[in-house]
Amino acid sequence: MKNFIKYFARFGTAILLMVIVWSCARVPGLQEEKMGVFIKIPFVRVLLEENKKDVAVTADGTFAIECLKNGNQSIYYSSQPVKVKNQGQYVTVYNHKGYPIEEKLDEVNIIPRGNNNRIQFDKKRYRGILRILPNGGNVQLINVVYMEDYLKGVVPPELGKRKESEIEAVKAQAVAARTYAMAHLKQYGAQPYDMKSSIIDQVYDGANVELSLVNKAIEQTTGDVLFHNDDFINAYYHSTCGGMTDNIEMVWDRKEVPYLKAVKDDDACSWSKYFRWKEHFTEEQLRGRIEQYLASDRGRDLRIGKIKDIQISEHTPGGRISTMVVITDHDKFIFKKDRIRWVIGRTSNPDLILPSDNFDVNISRDNKGYITQVTFAGKGYGHGVGMCQCGAIGYSRVGWAYDQILKKYYTNAVIRKLY
């Protein structure tokens, strides 16, 4: 516990003073929420949008409009929508009739009044506060929200609607998502946000997607995070492992860590529709996919010639393909690790990547030896590192507790209550 306390002393600025430049204490109701002895519940600053020129915002009820300009603050109240528009290096806020409230502002903050009042924009609702900043010729929208409320918008898109009998899997997902977020606070340095709301970090859909069972699971695991020694782990997770997860260093070019190792999950995810799958390509289709990938990767069109053979030269401990060699009548092309999924893609949906890189290659040829069809017969969905979500659900169905599930997939990690 002594090292645990030292850890927070060392990282206190990142955890307790997350909202830099912007002081939450200026407006009532925005102080960090105290809980426990050692630490307060932190905020997460989530980037929602940065490519809009303007945004129309309202709330379920009355909200404050905090206008910041040259270090000065003005506060207005409204129950009608307002619009915030980019104005070069500033933003301007307009009332619902189109008249400017204040112009050339450094920042506008939308702050709902009351505990059950939610921000609304783009047909979505959000807890917490909305920061609106100038961003080149656009506006940048950042949702500042308590960690536990952030999770209420993250876990449902990840696990979907689950039954009460599967709540232990939901708890495991909540702990993994909380740990991932804590480990990545301040990852963007001087940027005014900690996380992006997409798969780049964790999909976050705000209050619209909240589910009572998920909220219950989050509340029952409040503050629980995964540690290895005195550091947060990188709690990666994926949909379906296909029977075995993998070492992080074998899937991505990352440093080996003792808690992200290949783990057999005893077919706990066998109920997933992606436990086993197939994708079929004609030679022409596969050639086109590879050329498309290479053009994007190298910045120029490239004709690779007809595919003569596909060879798998290396596998990971979890059975995934580490090196794939495509031999054509022009050249030889080598693809490695998780990028193989982007190279191949899918015929069933050209916008999607291959479900996983754990597959066998079956080649059909004509009587002259030319390839006519290539079938990829695979296992699993996702990168295969860390917790298998469908496996976690499978284990919860047979009575496993969330801590057992987490210890299964994150070997050598321990659960500690952070707040």
Protein backbone atom coordinates (compact mmCIF):
# COMPACT_ATOMS: atom_id res chain seq x y z
CA MET A 1 0.00 0.00 0.00
CA LYS A 2 2.96 2.32 0.64
CA ASN A 3 4.01 2.12 -3.02
CA PHE A 4 0.36 2.56 -3.98
CA ILE A 5 0.22 5.91 -2.12
CA LYS A 6 3.58 6.97 -3.57
CA TYR A 7 2.19 6.26 -7.02
CA PHE A 8 -0.62 8.75 -6.57
CA ALA A 9 1.72 11.30 -5.08
CA ARG A 10 3.82 10.98 -8.21
CA PHE A 11 0.90 11.19 -10.63
CA GLY A 12 -1.38 13.43 -8.61
CA THR A 13 -1.27 16.24 -11.15
CA ALA A 14 -2.47 13.99 -13.96
CA ILE A 15 -5.23 12.47 -11.87
CA LEU A 16 -6.46 15.27 -9.66
CA LEU A 17 -5.80 18.36 -11.75
CA MET A 18 -6.86 17.08 -15.14
CA VAL A 19 -8.68 20.16 -16.33
CA ILE A 20 -5.72 22.38 -17.08
CA VAL A 21 -6.12 26.07 -17.91
CA TRP A 22 -9.81 25.68 -17.07
CA SER A 23 -10.80 25.78 -13.41
CA CYS A 24 -13.96 23.83 -12.62
CA ALA A 25 -14.30 25.70 -9.34
CA ARG A 26 -15.41 28.88 -11.13
CA VAL A 27 -18.98 27.60 -11.50
CA PRO A 28 -20.96 25.89 -8.69
CA GLY A 29 -21.37 22.13 -9.07
CA LEU A 30 -18.15 21.48 -10.98
CA GLN A 31 -15.81 20.54 -8.14
CA GLU A 32 -14.28 17.09 -8.26
CA GLU A 33 -16.30 14.57 -6.30
CA LYS A 34 -14.61 13.28 -3.16
CA MET A 35 -14.71 9.58 -2.41
CA GLY A 36 -12.44 7.56 -0.14
CA VAL A 37 -9.22 8.63 1.56
CA PHE A 38 -6.51 8.83 -1.06
CA ILE A 39 -8.01 10.25 -4.23
CA LYS A 40 -10.99 12.04 -5.70
CA ILE A 41 -13.03 10.71 -8.60
CA PRO A 42 -11.23 12.20 -11.61
CA PHE A 43 -12.65 13.86 -14.67
CA VAL A 44 -12.18 12.58 -18.20
CA ARG A 45 -12.00 15.08 -21.04
CA VAL A 46 -13.46 13.39 -24.12
CA LEU A 47 -13.05 14.82 -27.62
CA LEU A 48 -16.43 14.46 -29.33
CA GLU A 49 -15.95 16.52 -32.49
CA GLU A 50 -13.40 18.86 -34.05
CA ASN A 51 -14.48 19.22 -37.68
CA LYS A 52 -17.66 21.28 -37.40
CA LYS A 53 -17.77 25.00 -38.14
CA ASP A 54 -20.63 25.49 -35.67
CA VAL A 55 -22.74 23.54 -33.21
CA ALA A 56 -26.26 23.96 -31.85
CA VAL A 57 -26.48 23.00 -28.17
CA THR A 58 -29.25 22.76 -25.61
CA ALA A 59 -30.05 20.73 -22.48
CA ASP A 60 -32.95 18.92 -20.86
CA GLY A 61 -33.51 21.98 -18.66
CA THR A 62 -31.86 25.29 -17.83
CA PHE A 63 -28.14 25.55 -18.48
CA ALA A 64 -25.38 28.07 -17.87
CA ILE A 65 -23.37 29.52 -20.76
CA GLU A 66 -19.91 30.39 -19.50
CA CYS A 67 -18.09 32.79 -21.84
CA LEU A 68 -14.33 33.21 -21.43
CA LYS A 69 -12.42 36.06 -23.06
CA ASN A 70 -8.95 37.38 -22.21
CA GLY A 71 -9.16 35.84 -18.75
CA ASN A 72 -12.56 37.38 -18.06
CA GLN A 73 -15.73 35.39 -17.42
CA SER A 74 -19.39 36.07 -18.15
CA ILE A 75 -22.24 33.69 -17.32
CA TYR A 76 -25.67 33.60 -18.94
CA TYR A 77 -28.58 31.22 -18.41
CA SER A 78 -30.92 29.73 -20.97
CA SER A 79 -33.49 27.00 -21.50
CA GLN A 80 -33.45 27.55 -25.28
CA PRO A 81 -30.87 26.23 -27.78
CA VAL A 82 -27.77 28.30 -28.48
CA LYS A 83 -25.39 28.12 -31.42
CA VAL A 84 -21.62 28.46 -31.17
CA LYS A 85 -19.77 29.33 -34.38
CA ASN A 86 -16.12 29.50 -35.29
CA GLN A 87 -14.77 33.00 -35.84
CA GLY A 88 -11.15 32.44 -36.84
CA GLN A 89 -9.14 32.04 -33.65
CA TYR A 90 -12.26 32.74 -31.58
CA VAL A 91 -15.84 31.52 -31.20
CA THR A 92 -19.10 33.46 -31.02
CA VAL A 93 -22.23 32.31 -29.20
CA TYR A 94 -25.73 33.14 -30.50
CA ASN A 95 -29.15 32.82 -28.86
CA HIS A 96 -32.05 30.81 -30.32
CA LYS A 97 -33.17 33.82 -32.38
CA GLY A 98 -29.76 34.16 -34.04
CA TYR A 99 -28.58 37.22 -32.12
CA PRO A 100 -25.02 37.16 -30.72
CA ILE A 101 -24.75 36.81 -26.95
CA GLU A 102 -20.98 37.41 -26.96
CA GLU A 103 -18.42 37.54 -29.75
CA LYS A 104 -14.74 36.67 -30.19
CA LEU A 105 -14.51 34.35 -27.21
CA ASP A 106 -11.61 32.10 -26.27
CA GLU A 107 -13.97 29.41 -25.00
CA VAL A 108 -17.62 28.66 -24.29
CA ASN A 109 -18.71 26.14 -21.64
CA ILE A 110 -22.22 24.70 -21.51
CA ILE A 111 -23.08 23.70 -17.93
CA PRO A 112 -26.45 22.04 -17.16
CA ARG A 113 -28.12 23.00 -13.88
CA GLY A 114 -29.39 20.11 -11.77
CA ASN A 115 -28.30 16.49 -11.38
CA ASN A 116 -30.60 14.97 -14.01
CA ASN A 117 -30.05 17.66 -16.64
CA ARG A 118 -28.16 16.50 -19.74
CA ILE A 119 -26.49 18.41 -22.57
CA GLN A 120 -27.98 17.79 -26.02
CA PHE A 121 -26.46 18.16 -29.48
CA ASP A 122 -26.50 16.12 -32.70
CA LYS A 123 -29.39 14.04 -31.29
CA LYS A 124 -27.19 12.78 -28.44
CA ARG A 125 -27.29 13.54 -24.73
CA TYR A 126 -24.28 13.87 -22.44
CA ARG A 127 -23.61 14.09 -18.75
CA GLY A 128 -21.13 16.62 -17.42
CA ILE A 129 -20.04 19.80 -19.17
CA LEU A 130 -19.40 20.69 -22.81
CA ARG A 131 -16.35 22.80 -23.64
CA ILE A 132 -16.39 24.53 -27.03
CA LEU A 133 -13.06 25.86 -28.31
CA PRO A 134 -11.82 27.36 -31.58
CA ASN A 135 -9.89 24.84 -33.66
CA GLY A 136 -8.51 26.32 -36.87
CA GLY A 137 -11.59 27.09 -38.94
CA ASN A 138 -13.77 24.78 -36.86
CA VAL A 139 -14.93 24.27 -33.30
CA GLN A 140 -13.69 21.60 -30.93
CA LEU A 141 -16.24 19.93 -28.64
CA ILE A 142 -14.99 18.34 -25.43
CA ASN A 143 -17.20 16.59 -22.88
CA VAL A 144 -15.78 16.90 -19.36
CA VAL A 145 -17.36 14.17 -17.27
CA TYR A 146 -16.70 12.16 -14.11
CA MET A 147 -14.87 8.90 -14.78
CA GLU A 148 -17.79 6.78 -13.55
CA ASP A 149 -20.24 8.68 -15.76
CA TYR A 150 -17.86 8.37 -18.71
CA LEU A 151 -17.97 4.59 -18.32
CA LYS A 152 -21.78 4.64 -18.55
CA GLY A 153 -21.36 5.81 -22.15
CA VAL A 154 -18.50 3.38 -22.94
CA VAL A 155 -19.54 -0.04 -21.64
CA PRO A 156 -22.91 -0.38 -23.48
CA PRO A 157 -21.43 0.04 -27.00
CA GLU A 158 -18.77 -2.52 -26.07
CA LEU A 159 -20.95 -5.29 -24.62
CA GLY A 160 -24.46 -4.48 -25.83
CA LYS A 161 -27.56 -5.26 -23.78
CA ARG A 162 -26.81 -8.09 -21.37
CA LYS A 163 -28.87 -10.19 -18.97
CA GLU A 164 -28.70 -9.99 -15.18
CA SER A 165 -27.02 -13.42 -15.22
CA GLU A 166 -24.16 -11.86 -17.23
CA ILE A 167 -23.50 -8.91 -14.91
CA GLU A 168 -20.07 -10.23 -13.87
CA ALA A 169 -18.89 -9.83 -17.48
CA VAL A 170 -20.26 -6.28 -17.45
CA LYS A 171 -18.32 -5.59 -14.25
CA ALA A 172 -15.15 -6.97 -15.84
CA GLN A 173 -15.67 -4.70 -18.85
CA ALA A 174 -16.22 -1.70 -16.56
CA VAL A 175 -12.94 -2.36 -14.74
CA ALA A 176 -11.05 -2.86 -18.00
CA ALA A 177 -12.49 0.33 -19.52
CA ARG A 178 -11.80 2.32 -16.34
CA THR A 179 -8.23 1.03 -16.24
CA TYR A 180 -7.68 1.84 -19.91
CA ALA A 181 -8.93 5.39 -19.35
CA MET A 182 -6.81 5.94 -16.22
CA ALA A 183 -3.71 4.64 -18.00
CA HIS A 184 -4.27 7.02 -20.92
CA LEU A 185 -5.08 10.28 -19.13
CA LYS A 186 -2.90 13.08 -20.54
CA GLN A 187 -1.84 10.84 -23.45
CA TYR A 188 -2.33 13.74 -25.88
CA GLY A 189 0.01 16.05 -24.00
CA ALA A 190 -0.92 19.71 -24.33
CA GLN A 191 -4.21 18.96 -26.10
CA PRO A 192 -7.29 19.92 -24.02
CA TYR A 193 -8.60 16.33 -24.03
CA ASP A 194 -7.60 12.93 -22.67
CA MET A 195 -9.60 10.54 -24.83
CA LYS A 196 -11.22 10.44 -28.25
CA SER A 197 -14.78 9.12 -28.49
CA SER A 198 -14.00 6.59 -31.24
CA ILE A 199 -12.26 3.22 -31.51
CA ILE A 200 -8.96 5.14 -31.48
CA ASP A 201 -9.46 5.06 -27.70
CA GLN A 202 -12.84 3.77 -26.49
CA VAL A 203 -16.19 4.25 -28.21
CA TYR A 204 -18.16 6.75 -26.09
CA ASP A 205 -21.79 7.48 -26.96
CA GLY A 206 -22.86 9.53 -23.96
CA ALA A 207 -26.10 9.25 -22.00
CA ASN A 208 -28.26 7.97 -24.89
CA VAL A 209 -26.88 4.45 -24.59
CA GLU A 210 -27.01 4.06 -20.82
CA LEU A 211 -28.47 0.82 -19.47
CA SER A 212 -29.58 0.18 -15.90
CA LEU A 213 -27.67 -3.12 -15.64
CA VAL A 214 -24.48 -1.45 -16.88
CA ASN A 215 -24.87 1.46 -14.46
CA LYS A 216 -25.35 -1.06 -11.65
CA ALA A 217 -22.17 -2.93 -12.66
CA ILE A 218 -20.20 0.32 -12.78
CA GLU A 219 -21.47 1.38 -9.35
CA GLN A 220 -20.62 -2.02 -7.84
CA THR A 221 -17.02 -1.75 -9.12
CA THR A 222 -16.54 1.98 -8.47
CA GLY A 223 -12.84 2.85 -8.44
CA ASP A 224 -11.63 -0.68 -9.25
CA VAL A 225 -8.63 -0.66 -11.57
CA LEU A 226 -6.00 -3.15 -12.70
CA PHE A 227 -2.37 -2.71 -11.69
CA HIS A 228 0.90 -4.42 -12.37
CA ASN A 229 3.40 -3.42 -9.70
CA ASP A 230 2.62 0.28 -9.17
CA ASP A 231 1.42 1.09 -12.67
CA PHE A 232 -1.95 0.96 -14.39
CA ILE A 233 -1.95 -1.80 -16.96
CA ASN A 234 -2.88 -1.24 -20.60
CA ALA A 235 -6.19 -3.09 -20.35
CA TYR A 236 -6.75 -3.92 -24.01
CA TYR A 237 -9.80 -5.95 -24.94
CA HIS A 238 -11.43 -7.33 -28.07
CA SER A 239 -14.63 -9.06 -29.17
CA THR A 240 -13.76 -12.73 -29.73
CA CYS A 241 -10.43 -14.50 -29.29
CA GLY A 242 -11.48 -17.68 -31.10
CA GLY A 243 -10.11 -19.89 -28.33
CA MET A 244 -6.86 -18.15 -27.39
CA THR A 245 -5.61 -14.62 -26.81
CA ASP A 246 -2.10 -13.49 -27.70
CA ASN A 247 1.08 -11.76 -26.58
CA ILE A 248 0.94 -8.02 -27.23
CA GLU A 249 4.43 -7.90 -28.75
CA MET A 250 3.44 -10.56 -31.30
CA VAL A 251 0.37 -8.64 -32.49
CA TRP A 252 1.73 -5.08 -32.50
CA ASP A 253 5.20 -3.59 -32.36
CA ARG A 254 4.95 -3.04 -28.62
CA LYS A 255 7.06 -3.88 -25.62
CA GLU A 256 6.46 -7.26 -24.00
CA VAL A 257 4.52 -7.05 -20.72
CA PRO A 258 3.76 -9.87 -18.27
CA TYR A 259 0.00 -9.23 -18.09
CA LEU A 260 -0.77 -9.42 -21.83
CA LYS A 261 0.19 -12.99 -22.67
CA ALA A 262 -1.43 -15.73 -24.75
CA VAL A 263 -4.23 -17.31 -22.70
CA LYS A 264 -6.49 -20.25 -23.59
CA ASP A 265 -10.10 -19.43 -22.81
CA ASP A 266 -11.48 -22.97 -23.03
CA ASP A 267 -13.85 -22.03 -25.86
CA ALA A 268 -15.75 -19.66 -23.56
CA CYS A 269 -16.36 -17.49 -26.62
CA SER A 270 -17.63 -20.36 -28.80
CA TRP A 271 -21.14 -18.85 -28.75
CA SER A 272 -19.89 -15.82 -30.73
CA LYS A 273 -20.85 -15.72 -34.41
CA TYR A 274 -17.20 -14.91 -35.12
CA PHE A 275 -15.80 -17.90 -33.23
CA ARG A 276 -15.29 -19.40 -36.69
CA TRP A 277 -15.72 -17.57 -40.00
CA LYS A 278 -14.80 -17.66 -43.69
CA GLU A 279 -14.10 -15.03 -46.33
CA HIS A 280 -13.89 -15.98 -50.02
CA PHE A 281 -11.99 -14.01 -52.68
CA THR A 282 -11.41 -14.50 -56.36
CA GLU A 283 -7.79 -13.91 -57.34
CA GLU A 284 -8.81 -10.63 -58.96
CA GLN A 285 -10.67 -9.46 -55.83
CA LEU A 286 -7.77 -10.26 -53.52
CA ARG A 287 -5.27 -8.64 -55.87
CA GLY A 288 -7.43 -5.51 -55.91
CA ARG A 289 -7.58 -5.40 -52.10
CA ILE A 290 -3.82 -5.72 -51.77
CA GLU A 291 -3.21 -3.04 -54.41
CA GLN A 292 -5.67 -0.74 -52.65
CA TYR A 293 -3.85 -1.22 -49.33
CA LEU A 294 -0.41 -0.66 -50.86
CA ALA A 295 -1.59 2.49 -52.64
CA SER A 296 -2.85 3.88 -49.34
CA ASP A 297 0.26 2.80 -47.45
CA ARG A 298 2.81 4.01 -50.01
CA GLY A 299 0.94 6.99 -51.41
CA ARG A 300 0.99 5.81 -55.03
CA ASP A 301 -0.80 3.34 -57.27
CA LEU A 302 0.89 -0.01 -57.65
CA ARG A 303 0.12 -3.00 -59.86
CA ILE A 304 1.39 -6.15 -58.18
CA GLY A 305 0.67 -8.64 -60.96
CA LYS A 306 -1.22 -11.92 -60.67
CA ILE A 307 -1.00 -13.75 -57.36
CA LYS A 308 0.90 -17.02 -57.69
CA ASP A 309 1.00 -18.12 -54.05
CA ILE A 310 0.35 -17.09 -50.44
CA GLN A 311 2.72 -18.40 -47.78
CA ILE A 312 2.45 -18.18 -44.01
CA SER A 313 5.96 -18.18 -42.58
CA GLU A 314 5.42 -17.32 -38.90
CA HIS A 315 2.72 -17.75 -36.25
CA THR A 316 2.22 -16.17 -32.84
CA PRO A 317 1.85 -18.22 -29.61
CA GLY A 318 -1.92 -17.74 -29.91
CA GLY A 319 -1.99 -19.08 -33.47
CA ARG A 320 -2.27 -15.75 -35.27
CA ILE A 321 -0.25 -15.03 -38.36
CA SER A 322 2.90 -13.08 -37.72
CA THR A 323 4.22 -12.99 -41.29
CA MET A 324 2.34 -13.51 -44.58
CA VAL A 325 4.13 -13.55 -47.92
CA VAL A 326 2.21 -12.87 -51.15
CA ILE A 327 4.11 -14.01 -54.25
CA THR A 328 3.07 -12.58 -57.61
CA ASP A 329 4.46 -12.82 -61.12
CA HIS A 330 6.06 -9.38 -60.53
CA ASP A 331 7.39 -9.44 -56.99
CA LYS A 332 7.12 -10.73 -53.43
CA PHE A 333 5.20 -8.78 -50.76
CA ILE A 334 5.62 -9.33 -47.03
CA PHE A 335 2.95 -8.30 -44.53
CA LYS A 336 3.25 -8.59 -40.76
CA LYS A 337 1.18 -8.87 -37.61
CA ASP A 338 -2.18 -7.16 -37.16
CA ARG A 339 -1.80 -5.08 -40.35
CA ILE A 340 -2.59 -8.26 -42.29
CA ARG A 341 -6.27 -7.66 -41.45
CA TRP A 342 -6.15 -4.31 -43.28
CA VAL A 343 -4.34 -5.82 -46.26
CA ILE A 344 -6.96 -8.50 -46.91
CA GLY A 345 -10.22 -6.85 -45.82
CA ARG A 346 -13.52 -8.54 -46.67
CA THR A 347 -15.57 -9.25 -49.77
CA SER A 348 -18.76 -9.32 -47.70
CA ASN A 349 -18.19 -5.66 -46.71
CA PRO A 350 -15.36 -3.80 -48.49
CA ASP A 351 -15.31 -1.10 -45.79
CA LEU A 352 -14.34 -3.59 -43.07
CA ILE A 353 -11.05 -5.27 -42.27
CA LEU A 354 -10.65 -9.04 -41.87
CA PRO A 355 -12.19 -10.22 -38.56
CA SER A 356 -8.84 -11.46 -37.26
CA ASP A 357 -5.40 -12.57 -38.39
CA ASN A 358 -5.89 -16.07 -37.00
CA PHE A 359 -6.74 -18.03 -40.14
CA ASP A 360 -5.82 -20.80 -42.54
CA VAL A 361 -5.42 -20.09 -46.26
CA ASN A 362 -7.13 -22.44 -48.73
CA ILE A 363 -6.19 -21.88 -52.38
CA SER A 364 -8.14 -23.23 -55.37
CA ARG A 365 -6.42 -23.44 -58.77
CA ASP A 366 -7.51 -24.20 -62.32
CA ASN A 367 -6.05 -27.02 -64.42
CA LYS A 368 -3.20 -24.75 -65.49
CA GLY A 369 -2.21 -24.02 -61.89
CA TYR A 370 -3.53 -20.46 -61.78
CA ILE A 371 -5.28 -19.32 -58.60
CA THR A 372 -9.05 -18.98 -59.03
CA GLN A 373 -10.19 -18.56 -55.42
CA VAL A 374 -8.66 -17.94 -52.00
CA THR A 375 -10.59 -18.77 -48.82
CA PHE A 376 -9.53 -17.47 -45.44
CA ALA A 377 -10.96 -19.74 -42.73
CA GLY A 378 -10.50 -17.92 -39.47
CA LYS A 379 -11.07 -17.74 -35.74
CA GLY A 380 -12.16 -14.78 -33.65
CA TYR A 381 -12.85 -11.09 -34.12
CA GLY A 382 -10.44 -8.32 -33.16
CA HIS A 383 -6.75 -8.05 -32.36
CA GLY A 384 -6.71 -10.84 -29.77
CA VAL A 385 -4.87 -8.93 -27.02
CA GLY A 386 -6.16 -8.81 -23.45
CA MET A 387 -9.72 -9.65 -22.43
CA CYS A 388 -11.97 -11.56 -24.81
CA GLN A 389 -15.36 -9.90 -24.33
CA CYS A 390 -17.40 -12.85 -25.58
CA GLY A 391 -15.24 -15.12 -23.45
CA ALA A 392 -15.94 -12.94 -20.41
CA ILE A 393 -19.68 -13.26 -21.10
CA GLY A 394 -19.28 -17.02 -21.50
CA TYR A 395 -17.50 -17.32 -18.16
CA SER A 396 -20.10 -15.16 -16.42
CA ARG A 397 -22.82 -17.52 -17.65
CA VAL A 398 -21.21 -20.41 -15.78
CA GLY A 399 -20.78 -18.50 -12.53
CA TRP A 400 -17.40 -16.80 -12.73
CA ALA A 401 -17.01 -13.54 -10.77
CA TYR A 402 -15.61 -10.45 -12.45
CA ASP A 403 -12.29 -10.65 -10.60
CA GLN A 404 -11.82 -14.25 -11.80
CA ILE A 405 -12.51 -13.17 -15.38
CA LEU A 406 -10.02 -10.30 -15.18
CA LYS A 407 -7.30 -12.45 -13.62
CA LYS A 408 -7.85 -15.02 -16.38
CA TYR A 409 -7.16 -12.60 -19.22
CA TYR A 410 -4.75 -10.15 -17.54
CA THR A 411 -2.20 -12.52 -16.05
CA ASN A 412 -0.06 -11.13 -13.21
CA ALA A 413 -2.33 -8.08 -12.79
CA VAL A 414 -4.12 -7.22 -9.53
CA ILE A 415 -7.32 -5.28 -8.83
CA ARG A 416 -7.06 -2.29 -6.49
CA LYS A 417 -9.73 0.18 -5.43
CA LEU A 418 -8.47 3.58 -6.53
CA TYR A 419 -11.22 5.66 -4.92
